[in-house]
Amino acid sequence: LNGKNYLDWSTSVEMWFLGQGLYDHLTKRASEIDKEVRDEWQRANYQLVSLLWQSIEPRLMVHFRPYKTCYDIWKKARNFYANDIQRIYESVHGLTTLRMVDNDLPTYLNRAQSTIDELKLMLVSDDPQQILNKLDNMFMEFILQGLHKDYGSVRDQILINPVIPIVKELIDRLIRVPSPEADPHTES
């Protein structure tokens, strides 16, 4: 995991755990495991944590080192990378600016499919309300993507803000922003 390859990393980790018959280590806490096998399960989990840590770049370990279970590392990575508003923005940007170059249809289609898969991953949730919230975030990103470059500072403020506005709030905020050409402090 390098901060930009979450989809590839998570798919690879998931397939490895499935292939080893250890997928429950990603999806269950120790307290959910039968008491008869819990000690053995936890020992295996600690070894698997070591493998997960090795799959994460050292500069990112500051975010993951405090977690001592596969479940917690998996959840942290998903929350950190699959719900990141800037990643949604980059994916939306990638999709809206995608162009075929040099009549290379296979490359174009692969890039399109990869971007779509990444956006779909960000919408995954068991909670229908969370899915609606994530869709709202994606729609907000489409609005931000279409803003004129003169509104770049406003867009950047929204993207770095820890509180993500819903579309209605975004529109309300944008309406109150003075038009760049109407700003009396802007030199002609």
N, C-alpha and C. Protein backbone atom coordinates (compact mmCIF):
# COMPACT_ATOMS: atom_id res chain seq x y z
N LEU A 1 0.86 -1.18 0.00
CA LEU A 1 0.00 0.00 0.00
C LEU A 1 0.89 1.22 0.00
N ASN A 2 0.69 2.07 -0.99
CA ASN A 2 1.55 3.25 -1.08
C ASN A 2 0.77 4.56 -1.00
N GLY A 3 -0.52 4.49 -0.74
CA GLY A 3 -1.33 5.70 -0.65
C GLY A 3 -2.09 6.01 -1.93
N LYS A 4 -1.69 5.38 -3.03
CA LYS A 4 -2.35 5.64 -4.31
C LYS A 4 -2.84 4.36 -4.97
N ASN A 5 -2.60 3.23 -4.35
CA ASN A 5 -2.95 1.96 -4.99
C ASN A 5 -3.89 1.12 -4.11
N TYR A 6 -4.78 1.78 -3.39
CA TYR A 6 -5.65 1.05 -2.46
C TYR A 6 -6.43 -0.05 -3.16
N LEU A 7 -7.01 0.24 -4.30
CA LEU A 7 -7.82 -0.77 -4.99
C LEU A 7 -6.99 -2.01 -5.32
N ASP A 8 -5.82 -1.81 -5.88
CA ASP A 8 -4.95 -2.95 -6.21
C ASP A 8 -4.52 -3.69 -4.94
N TRP A 9 -4.09 -2.93 -3.94
CA TRP A 9 -3.62 -3.52 -2.68
C TRP A 9 -4.74 -4.31 -2.01
N SER A 10 -5.92 -3.71 -1.88
CA SER A 10 -7.01 -4.38 -1.17
C SER A 10 -7.46 -5.64 -1.90
N THR A 11 -7.49 -5.59 -3.22
CA THR A 11 -7.87 -6.77 -3.99
C THR A 11 -6.85 -7.89 -3.79
N SER A 12 -5.59 -7.54 -3.84
CA SER A 12 -4.52 -8.52 -3.65
C SER A 12 -4.58 -9.14 -2.25
N VAL A 13 -4.73 -8.31 -1.23
CA VAL A 13 -4.81 -8.80 0.15
C VAL A 13 -6.04 -9.70 0.31
N GLU A 14 -7.16 -9.24 -0.20
CA GLU A 14 -8.40 -10.01 -0.08
C GLU A 14 -8.27 -11.38 -0.74
N MET A 15 -7.70 -11.41 -1.94
CA MET A 15 -7.54 -12.69 -2.65
C MET A 15 -6.59 -13.62 -1.90
N TRP A 16 -5.51 -13.07 -1.33
CA TRP A 16 -4.57 -13.90 -0.59
C TRP A 16 -5.26 -14.51 0.63
N PHE A 17 -5.98 -13.69 1.40
CA PHE A 17 -6.67 -14.20 2.59
C PHE A 17 -7.73 -15.23 2.20
N LEU A 18 -8.46 -14.99 1.11
CA LEU A 18 -9.46 -15.97 0.65
C LEU A 18 -8.77 -17.27 0.26
N GLY A 19 -7.68 -17.18 -0.49
CA GLY A 19 -6.96 -18.36 -0.94
C GLY A 19 -6.37 -19.18 0.19
N GLN A 20 -6.05 -18.54 1.29
CA GLN A 20 -5.49 -19.23 2.46
C GLN A 20 -6.57 -19.72 3.41
N GLY A 21 -7.84 -19.39 3.11
CA GLY A 21 -8.94 -19.77 4.00
C GLY A 21 -8.94 -18.94 5.29
N LEU A 22 -8.41 -17.73 5.22
CA LEU A 22 -8.26 -16.89 6.41
C LEU A 22 -9.03 -15.57 6.31
N TYR A 23 -10.01 -15.52 5.42
CA TYR A 23 -10.73 -14.26 5.18
C TYR A 23 -11.40 -13.72 6.44
N ASP A 24 -11.78 -14.61 7.35
CA ASP A 24 -12.43 -14.16 8.58
C ASP A 24 -11.52 -13.25 9.41
N HIS A 25 -10.23 -13.31 9.20
CA HIS A 25 -9.31 -12.42 9.93
C HIS A 25 -9.49 -10.97 9.50
N LEU A 26 -9.97 -10.75 8.28
CA LEU A 26 -10.22 -9.39 7.80
C LEU A 26 -11.60 -8.89 8.20
N THR A 27 -12.52 -9.81 8.45
CA THR A 27 -13.92 -9.41 8.64
C THR A 27 -14.45 -9.61 10.05
N LYS A 28 -13.68 -10.26 10.91
CA LYS A 28 -14.18 -10.54 12.27
C LYS A 28 -13.18 -10.10 13.32
N ARG A 29 -13.73 -9.72 14.45
CA ARG A 29 -12.91 -9.42 15.63
C ARG A 29 -12.73 -10.72 16.41
N ALA A 30 -11.72 -10.77 17.26
CA ALA A 30 -11.46 -11.97 18.05
C ALA A 30 -12.67 -12.33 18.91
N SER A 31 -13.38 -11.34 19.40
CA SER A 31 -14.55 -11.59 20.25
C SER A 31 -15.67 -12.32 19.51
N GLU A 32 -15.63 -12.31 18.18
CA GLU A 32 -16.65 -12.99 17.38
C GLU A 32 -16.29 -14.45 17.09
N ILE A 33 -15.12 -14.86 17.47
CA ILE A 33 -14.64 -16.23 17.21
C ILE A 33 -14.99 -17.12 18.40
N ASP A 34 -15.37 -18.37 18.11
CA ASP A 34 -15.71 -19.32 19.18
C ASP A 34 -14.57 -19.42 20.18
N LYS A 35 -14.92 -19.49 21.45
CA LYS A 35 -13.91 -19.52 22.52
C LYS A 35 -12.96 -20.71 22.39
N GLU A 36 -13.46 -21.83 21.86
CA GLU A 36 -12.64 -23.04 21.76
C GLU A 36 -11.43 -22.84 20.84
N VAL A 37 -11.56 -22.00 19.83
CA VAL A 37 -10.47 -21.81 18.86
C VAL A 37 -9.90 -20.39 18.89
N ARG A 38 -10.36 -19.58 19.80
CA ARG A 38 -9.97 -18.16 19.81
C ARG A 38 -8.47 -17.96 20.02
N ASP A 39 -7.85 -18.68 20.96
CA ASP A 39 -6.42 -18.49 21.21
C ASP A 39 -5.59 -18.80 19.96
N GLU A 40 -5.89 -19.91 19.31
CA GLU A 40 -5.18 -20.28 18.09
C GLU A 40 -5.43 -19.25 16.98
N TRP A 41 -6.68 -18.80 16.87
CA TRP A 41 -7.06 -17.81 15.86
C TRP A 41 -6.28 -16.50 16.09
N GLN A 42 -6.17 -16.09 17.35
CA GLN A 42 -5.45 -14.85 17.66
C GLN A 42 -3.96 -14.97 17.36
N ARG A 43 -3.36 -16.12 17.63
CA ARG A 43 -1.95 -16.31 17.30
C ARG A 43 -1.74 -16.17 15.79
N ALA A 44 -2.61 -16.80 15.02
CA ALA A 44 -2.52 -16.69 13.56
C ALA A 44 -2.74 -15.24 13.13
N ASN A 45 -3.65 -14.56 13.80
CA ASN A 45 -3.95 -13.17 13.45
C ASN A 45 -2.73 -12.27 13.65
N TYR A 46 -1.99 -12.49 14.74
CA TYR A 46 -0.79 -11.68 14.98
C TYR A 46 0.25 -11.90 13.88
N GLN A 47 0.38 -13.14 13.42
CA GLN A 47 1.32 -13.42 12.33
C GLN A 47 0.86 -12.75 11.03
N LEU A 48 -0.45 -12.76 10.81
CA LEU A 48 -1.00 -12.14 9.61
C LEU A 48 -0.86 -10.62 9.65
N VAL A 49 -0.96 -10.04 10.85
CA VAL A 49 -0.74 -8.60 10.99
C VAL A 49 0.67 -8.25 10.51
N SER A 50 1.63 -9.06 10.88
CA SER A 50 3.01 -8.84 10.44
C SER A 50 3.10 -8.84 8.91
N LEU A 51 2.40 -9.77 8.27
CA LEU A 51 2.38 -9.80 6.80
C LEU A 51 1.72 -8.55 6.23
N LEU A 52 0.61 -8.13 6.83
CA LEU A 52 -0.06 -6.92 6.35
C LEU A 52 0.86 -5.71 6.49
N TRP A 53 1.53 -5.60 7.63
CA TRP A 53 2.44 -4.47 7.83
C TRP A 53 3.52 -4.44 6.75
N GLN A 54 4.00 -5.62 6.35
CA GLN A 54 5.04 -5.68 5.32
C GLN A 54 4.52 -5.24 3.95
N SER A 55 3.22 -5.26 3.76
CA SER A 55 2.64 -4.85 2.48
C SER A 55 2.34 -3.35 2.43
N ILE A 56 2.68 -2.64 3.50
CA ILE A 56 2.41 -1.20 3.59
C ILE A 56 3.74 -0.46 3.58
N GLU A 57 3.82 0.58 2.75
CA GLU A 57 5.06 1.37 2.68
C GLU A 57 5.40 1.95 4.05
N PRO A 58 6.69 1.99 4.39
CA PRO A 58 7.11 2.48 5.71
C PRO A 58 6.58 3.86 6.06
N ARG A 59 6.49 4.77 5.09
CA ARG A 59 6.03 6.13 5.40
C ARG A 59 4.56 6.16 5.82
N LEU A 60 3.80 5.12 5.50
CA LEU A 60 2.39 5.06 5.88
C LEU A 60 2.17 4.30 7.18
N MET A 61 3.21 3.64 7.67
CA MET A 61 3.05 2.81 8.87
C MET A 61 2.63 3.60 10.10
N VAL A 62 2.91 4.89 10.14
CA VAL A 62 2.49 5.70 11.28
C VAL A 62 0.97 5.61 11.47
N HIS A 63 0.24 5.40 10.39
CA HIS A 63 -1.22 5.30 10.45
C HIS A 63 -1.69 3.90 10.86
N PHE A 64 -0.86 2.89 10.64
CA PHE A 64 -1.30 1.51 10.83
C PHE A 64 -0.63 0.78 11.99
N ARG A 65 0.51 1.24 12.45
CA ARG A 65 1.25 0.56 13.51
C ARG A 65 0.43 0.39 14.79
N PRO A 66 -0.42 1.34 15.17
CA PRO A 66 -1.19 1.15 16.41
C PRO A 66 -2.18 -0.01 16.36
N TYR A 67 -2.51 -0.50 15.18
CA TYR A 67 -3.52 -1.54 15.05
C TYR A 67 -2.87 -2.92 15.11
N LYS A 68 -3.40 -3.77 15.98
CA LYS A 68 -2.78 -5.07 16.24
C LYS A 68 -3.61 -6.25 15.74
N THR A 69 -4.67 -5.96 14.98
CA THR A 69 -5.46 -7.05 14.38
C THR A 69 -5.64 -6.78 12.90
N CYS A 70 -5.79 -7.85 12.14
CA CYS A 70 -6.03 -7.71 10.70
C CYS A 70 -7.32 -6.93 10.46
N TYR A 71 -8.33 -7.22 11.25
CA TYR A 71 -9.62 -6.54 11.11
C TYR A 71 -9.44 -5.03 11.22
N ASP A 72 -8.71 -4.58 12.24
CA ASP A 72 -8.53 -3.14 12.45
C ASP A 72 -7.70 -2.49 11.35
N ILE A 73 -6.66 -3.18 10.88
CA ILE A 73 -5.85 -2.64 9.78
C ILE A 73 -6.68 -2.54 8.52
N TRP A 74 -7.43 -3.59 8.23
CA TRP A 74 -8.28 -3.64 7.03
C TRP A 74 -9.31 -2.52 7.07
N LYS A 75 -9.95 -2.36 8.22
CA LYS A 75 -10.97 -1.31 8.38
C LYS A 75 -10.34 0.08 8.27
N LYS A 76 -9.19 0.28 8.89
CA LYS A 76 -8.50 1.58 8.84
C LYS A 76 -8.14 1.92 7.40
N ALA A 77 -7.58 0.97 6.66
CA ALA A 77 -7.20 1.22 5.27
C ALA A 77 -8.43 1.57 4.44
N ARG A 78 -9.50 0.84 4.64
CA ARG A 78 -10.72 1.10 3.88
C ARG A 78 -11.27 2.49 4.20
N ASN A 79 -11.35 2.82 5.48
CA ASN A 79 -11.86 4.13 5.88
C ASN A 79 -10.95 5.26 5.42
N PHE A 80 -9.66 5.02 5.47
CA PHE A 80 -8.69 6.05 5.13
C PHE A 80 -8.65 6.31 3.63
N TYR A 81 -8.72 5.25 2.83
CA TYR A 81 -8.56 5.41 1.39
C TYR A 81 -9.84 5.29 0.59
N ALA A 82 -10.79 4.49 1.02
CA ALA A 82 -12.01 4.31 0.23
C ALA A 82 -13.03 5.40 0.50
N ASN A 83 -12.88 6.18 1.55
CA ASN A 83 -13.83 7.24 1.85
C ASN A 83 -13.21 8.62 1.72
N ASP A 84 -12.03 8.71 1.18
CA ASP A 84 -11.32 9.97 1.09
C ASP A 84 -11.93 10.85 0.01
N ILE A 85 -12.39 12.03 0.41
CA ILE A 85 -13.07 12.94 -0.51
C ILE A 85 -12.13 13.39 -1.63
N GLN A 86 -10.85 13.53 -1.34
CA GLN A 86 -9.91 13.92 -2.39
C GLN A 86 -9.73 12.79 -3.40
N ARG A 87 -9.78 11.54 -2.94
CA ARG A 87 -9.69 10.41 -3.88
C ARG A 87 -10.91 10.38 -4.78
N ILE A 88 -12.08 10.67 -4.21
CA ILE A 88 -13.29 10.72 -5.04
C ILE A 88 -13.12 11.81 -6.08
N TYR A 89 -12.61 12.96 -5.64
CA TYR A 89 -12.40 14.06 -6.58
C TYR A 89 -11.46 13.64 -7.70
N GLU A 90 -10.34 12.99 -7.35
CA GLU A 90 -9.38 12.55 -8.36
C GLU A 90 -10.00 11.53 -9.31
N SER A 91 -10.82 10.62 -8.78
CA SER A 91 -11.47 9.63 -9.63
C SER A 91 -12.48 10.28 -10.56
N VAL A 92 -13.27 11.20 -10.03
CA VAL A 92 -14.24 11.92 -10.86
C VAL A 92 -13.49 12.70 -11.93
N HIS A 93 -12.41 13.37 -11.52
CA HIS A 93 -11.60 14.12 -12.49
C HIS A 93 -11.06 13.18 -13.56
N GLY A 94 -10.56 12.03 -13.14
CA GLY A 94 -10.04 11.05 -14.09
C GLY A 94 -11.10 10.59 -15.08
N LEU A 95 -12.31 10.41 -14.60
CA LEU A 95 -13.39 9.96 -15.47
C LEU A 95 -13.87 11.06 -16.41
N THR A 96 -13.98 12.28 -15.89
CA THR A 96 -14.49 13.37 -16.73
C THR A 96 -13.47 13.89 -17.73
N THR A 97 -12.20 13.64 -17.48
CA THR A 97 -11.16 14.11 -18.41
C THR A 97 -10.57 12.97 -19.24
N LEU A 98 -11.10 11.79 -19.10
CA LEU A 98 -10.59 10.63 -19.82
C LEU A 98 -10.77 10.81 -21.33
N ARG A 99 -9.69 10.67 -22.05
CA ARG A 99 -9.72 10.79 -23.51
C ARG A 99 -8.88 9.66 -24.11
N MET A 100 -9.32 9.21 -25.27
CA MET A 100 -8.55 8.19 -25.98
C MET A 100 -7.41 8.89 -26.73
N VAL A 101 -6.21 8.35 -26.59
CA VAL A 101 -5.03 8.93 -27.22
C VAL A 101 -4.51 7.95 -28.27
N ASP A 102 -4.15 8.47 -29.42
CA ASP A 102 -3.52 7.67 -30.48
C ASP A 102 -4.36 6.46 -30.89
N ASN A 103 -5.66 6.57 -30.86
CA ASN A 103 -6.54 5.48 -31.27
C ASN A 103 -6.24 4.18 -30.53
N ASP A 104 -5.75 4.26 -29.31
CA ASP A 104 -5.43 3.08 -28.50
C ASP A 104 -6.65 2.71 -27.65
N LEU A 105 -7.60 2.03 -28.28
CA LEU A 105 -8.86 1.70 -27.62
C LEU A 105 -8.68 0.81 -26.39
N PRO A 106 -7.86 -0.25 -26.43
CA PRO A 106 -7.72 -1.09 -25.23
C PRO A 106 -7.21 -0.31 -24.01
N THR A 107 -6.22 0.55 -24.18
CA THR A 107 -5.71 1.34 -23.06
C THR A 107 -6.78 2.27 -22.53
N TYR A 108 -7.50 2.92 -23.43
CA TYR A 108 -8.58 3.83 -23.05
C TYR A 108 -9.65 3.09 -22.24
N LEU A 109 -10.07 1.93 -22.72
CA LEU A 109 -11.12 1.17 -22.03
C LEU A 109 -10.63 0.64 -20.69
N ASN A 110 -9.38 0.22 -20.61
CA ASN A 110 -8.82 -0.25 -19.33
C ASN A 110 -8.78 0.88 -18.31
N ARG A 111 -8.36 2.07 -18.73
CA ARG A 111 -8.34 3.22 -17.81
C ARG A 111 -9.75 3.58 -17.36
N ALA A 112 -10.70 3.54 -18.29
CA ALA A 112 -12.09 3.85 -17.94
C ALA A 112 -12.62 2.83 -16.94
N GLN A 113 -12.40 1.55 -17.19
CA GLN A 113 -12.90 0.51 -16.29
C GLN A 113 -12.25 0.61 -14.92
N SER A 114 -10.97 0.87 -14.88
CA SER A 114 -10.26 1.01 -13.61
C SER A 114 -10.81 2.17 -12.80
N THR A 115 -11.06 3.29 -13.44
CA THR A 115 -11.61 4.46 -12.74
C THR A 115 -13.02 4.19 -12.24
N ILE A 116 -13.82 3.54 -13.05
CA ILE A 116 -15.19 3.19 -12.64
C ILE A 116 -15.16 2.23 -11.46
N ASP A 117 -14.29 1.22 -11.51
CA ASP A 117 -14.17 0.27 -10.40
C ASP A 117 -13.78 0.97 -9.11
N GLU A 118 -12.87 1.93 -9.22
CA GLU A 118 -12.45 2.66 -8.02
C GLU A 118 -13.61 3.48 -7.45
N LEU A 119 -14.39 4.12 -8.32
CA LEU A 119 -15.56 4.87 -7.84
C LEU A 119 -16.59 3.94 -7.21
N LYS A 120 -16.81 2.78 -7.81
CA LYS A 120 -17.77 1.82 -7.24
C LYS A 120 -17.33 1.36 -5.86
N LEU A 121 -16.02 1.13 -5.70
CA LEU A 121 -15.49 0.69 -4.42
C LEU A 121 -15.80 1.71 -3.33
N MET A 122 -15.74 2.97 -3.68
CA MET A 122 -16.01 4.01 -2.70
C MET A 122 -17.47 4.05 -2.26
N LEU A 123 -18.34 3.42 -3.03
CA LEU A 123 -19.77 3.42 -2.70
C LEU A 123 -20.20 2.21 -1.88
N VAL A 124 -19.28 1.28 -1.65
CA VAL A 124 -19.62 0.05 -0.95
C VAL A 124 -19.95 0.32 0.52
N SER A 125 -21.09 -0.23 0.95
CA SER A 125 -21.50 -0.13 2.35
C SER A 125 -22.69 -1.05 2.57
N ASP A 126 -22.83 -1.53 3.80
CA ASP A 126 -23.99 -2.33 4.15
C ASP A 126 -25.18 -1.46 4.52
N ASP A 127 -24.93 -0.19 4.77
CA ASP A 127 -25.95 0.75 5.22
C ASP A 127 -26.46 1.58 4.04
N PRO A 128 -27.74 1.44 3.67
CA PRO A 128 -28.29 2.22 2.54
C PRO A 128 -28.11 3.73 2.71
N GLN A 129 -28.21 4.23 3.93
CA GLN A 129 -28.03 5.67 4.15
C GLN A 129 -26.60 6.10 3.85
N GLN A 130 -25.64 5.25 4.21
CA GLN A 130 -24.24 5.56 3.90
C GLN A 130 -24.01 5.59 2.39
N ILE A 131 -24.66 4.69 1.67
CA ILE A 131 -24.53 4.68 0.21
C ILE A 131 -25.08 5.99 -0.36
N LEU A 132 -26.23 6.44 0.16
CA LEU A 132 -26.80 7.71 -0.30
C LEU A 132 -25.85 8.87 0.02
N ASN A 133 -25.25 8.86 1.20
CA ASN A 133 -24.29 9.91 1.56
C ASN A 133 -23.08 9.90 0.63
N LYS A 134 -22.61 8.71 0.30
CA LYS A 134 -21.46 8.60 -0.60
C LYS A 134 -21.82 9.06 -2.01
N LEU A 135 -23.04 8.73 -2.45
CA LEU A 135 -23.49 9.23 -3.76
C LEU A 135 -23.55 10.75 -3.75
N ASP A 136 -24.05 11.31 -2.65
CA ASP A 136 -24.10 12.77 -2.51
C ASP A 136 -22.70 13.35 -2.63
N ASN A 137 -21.72 12.70 -1.97
CA ASN A 137 -20.33 13.15 -2.07
C ASN A 137 -19.83 13.10 -3.51
N MET A 138 -20.20 12.05 -4.22
CA MET A 138 -19.76 11.93 -5.60
C MET A 138 -20.39 13.02 -6.46
N PHE A 139 -21.67 13.29 -6.25
CA PHE A 139 -22.33 14.36 -7.00
C PHE A 139 -21.67 15.71 -6.69
N MET A 140 -21.32 15.91 -5.42
CA MET A 140 -20.63 17.13 -5.02
C MET A 140 -19.32 17.25 -5.79
N GLU A 141 -18.63 16.14 -5.96
CA GLU A 141 -17.36 16.15 -6.68
C GLU A 141 -17.55 16.52 -8.15
N PHE A 142 -18.63 16.06 -8.75
CA PHE A 142 -18.91 16.45 -10.13
C PHE A 142 -19.12 17.96 -10.23
N ILE A 143 -19.81 18.53 -9.24
CA ILE A 143 -20.01 19.98 -9.22
C ILE A 143 -18.66 20.69 -9.07
N LEU A 144 -17.84 20.23 -8.13
CA LEU A 144 -16.52 20.85 -7.93
C LEU A 144 -15.65 20.73 -9.17
N GLN A 145 -15.75 19.59 -9.83
CA GLN A 145 -14.95 19.34 -11.02
C GLN A 145 -15.28 20.34 -12.12
N GLY A 146 -16.53 20.76 -12.22
CA GLY A 146 -16.94 21.66 -13.28
C GLY A 146 -16.73 23.13 -12.99
N LEU A 147 -16.29 23.47 -11.78
CA LEU A 147 -16.08 24.88 -11.44
C LEU A 147 -14.99 25.50 -12.31
N HIS A 148 -15.17 26.76 -12.61
CA HIS A 148 -14.16 27.51 -13.35
C HIS A 148 -12.89 27.60 -12.51
N LYS A 149 -11.75 27.71 -13.16
CA LYS A 149 -10.47 27.75 -12.44
C LYS A 149 -10.37 28.92 -11.47
N ASP A 150 -11.13 29.98 -11.69
CA ASP A 150 -11.13 31.13 -10.77
C ASP A 150 -11.66 30.75 -9.39
N TYR A 151 -12.39 29.66 -9.30
CA TYR A 151 -12.93 29.19 -8.03
C TYR A 151 -12.07 28.09 -7.41
N GLY A 152 -10.85 27.94 -7.90
CA GLY A 152 -9.96 26.89 -7.43
C GLY A 152 -9.68 26.94 -5.94
N SER A 153 -9.53 28.14 -5.39
CA SER A 153 -9.24 28.24 -3.95
C SER A 153 -10.45 27.79 -3.13
N VAL A 154 -11.65 28.09 -3.61
CA VAL A 154 -12.86 27.64 -2.91
C VAL A 154 -12.94 26.12 -2.96
N ARG A 155 -12.68 25.56 -4.14
CA ARG A 155 -12.70 24.11 -4.30
C ARG A 155 -11.69 23.45 -3.37
N ASP A 156 -10.48 24.00 -3.33
CA ASP A 156 -9.43 23.43 -2.48
C ASP A 156 -9.81 23.48 -1.00
N GLN A 157 -10.43 24.58 -0.57
CA GLN A 157 -10.87 24.69 0.83
C GLN A 157 -11.89 23.60 1.16
N ILE A 158 -12.78 23.33 0.24
CA ILE A 158 -13.80 22.30 0.47
C ILE A 158 -13.15 20.92 0.51
N LEU A 159 -12.18 20.68 -0.37
CA LEU A 159 -11.54 19.37 -0.44
C LEU A 159 -10.69 19.06 0.79
N ILE A 160 -10.09 20.06 1.42
CA ILE A 160 -9.24 19.79 2.58
C ILE A 160 -10.00 19.90 3.90
N ASN A 161 -11.23 20.37 3.85
CA ASN A 161 -12.03 20.50 5.07
C ASN A 161 -12.42 19.12 5.58
N PRO A 162 -12.24 18.85 6.88
CA PRO A 162 -12.61 17.53 7.41
C PRO A 162 -14.12 17.29 7.40
N VAL A 163 -14.91 18.35 7.35
CA VAL A 163 -16.37 18.21 7.29
C VAL A 163 -16.79 18.32 5.84
N ILE A 164 -17.35 17.25 5.32
CA ILE A 164 -17.74 17.20 3.92
C ILE A 164 -19.18 17.70 3.79
N PRO A 165 -19.40 18.75 3.00
CA PRO A 165 -20.76 19.26 2.85
C PRO A 165 -21.59 18.37 1.93
N ILE A 166 -22.89 18.36 2.16
CA ILE A 166 -23.78 17.69 1.21
C ILE A 166 -23.96 18.64 0.02
N VAL A 167 -24.55 18.15 -1.06
CA VAL A 167 -24.68 18.94 -2.27
C VAL A 167 -25.42 20.25 -2.00
N LYS A 168 -26.50 20.19 -1.25
CA LYS A 168 -27.27 21.41 -0.96
C LYS A 168 -26.41 22.44 -0.25
N GLU A 169 -25.63 22.01 0.75
CA GLU A 169 -24.74 22.93 1.47
C GLU A 169 -23.66 23.48 0.54
N LEU A 170 -23.13 22.64 -0.32
CA LEU A 170 -22.11 23.08 -1.27
C LEU A 170 -22.67 24.18 -2.16
N ILE A 171 -23.86 23.95 -2.70
CA ILE A 171 -24.47 24.94 -3.58
C ILE A 171 -24.74 26.23 -2.81
N ASP A 172 -25.24 26.11 -1.57
CA ASP A 172 -25.47 27.31 -0.75
C ASP A 172 -24.16 28.07 -0.52
N ARG A 173 -23.07 27.37 -0.27
CA ARG A 173 -21.77 28.03 -0.06
C ARG A 173 -21.29 28.71 -1.34
N LEU A 174 -21.40 27.99 -2.45
CA LEU A 174 -20.89 28.53 -3.71
C LEU A 174 -21.67 29.76 -4.15
N ILE A 175 -22.97 29.78 -3.88
CA ILE A 175 -23.78 30.94 -4.25
C ILE A 175 -23.31 32.19 -3.50
N ARG A 176 -22.83 32.01 -2.27
CA ARG A 176 -22.39 33.15 -1.45
C ARG A 176 -20.98 33.63 -1.79
N VAL A 177 -20.24 32.86 -2.59
CA VAL A 177 -18.88 33.26 -2.95
C VAL A 177 -18.97 34.37 -3.99
N PRO A 178 -18.29 35.50 -3.74
CA PRO A 178 -18.34 36.57 -4.74
C PRO A 178 -17.69 36.13 -6.04
N SER A 179 -18.26 36.58 -7.12
CA SER A 179 -17.71 36.28 -8.44
C SER A 179 -16.31 36.88 -8.53
N PRO A 180 -15.33 36.14 -9.06
CA PRO A 180 -13.96 36.66 -9.12
C PRO A 180 -13.86 38.01 -9.83
N GLU A 181 -14.64 38.22 -10.89
CA GLU A 181 -14.55 39.50 -11.59
C GLU A 181 -15.22 40.63 -10.80
N ALA A 182 -16.06 40.27 -9.80
CA ALA A 182 -16.72 41.29 -8.98
C ALA A 182 -15.91 41.63 -7.74
N ASP A 183 -14.80 40.93 -7.51
CA ASP A 183 -13.98 41.16 -6.32
C ASP A 183 -13.23 42.49 -6.46
N PRO A 184 -13.51 43.46 -5.56
CA PRO A 184 -12.87 44.77 -5.68
C PRO A 184 -11.37 44.72 -5.38
N HIS A 185 -10.89 43.66 -4.74
CA HIS A 185 -9.47 43.55 -4.40
C HIS A 185 -8.65 42.94 -5.53
N THR A 186 -9.32 42.49 -6.57
CA THR A 186 -8.61 41.90 -7.70
C THR A 186 -8.15 43.01 -8.63
N GLU A 187 -6.87 42.98 -8.98
CA GLU A 187 -6.35 44.00 -9.89
C GLU A 187 -6.78 43.70 -11.31
N SER A 188 -7.05 44.74 -12.07
CA SER A 188 -7.47 44.58 -13.46
C SER A 188 -6.29 44.38 -14.36
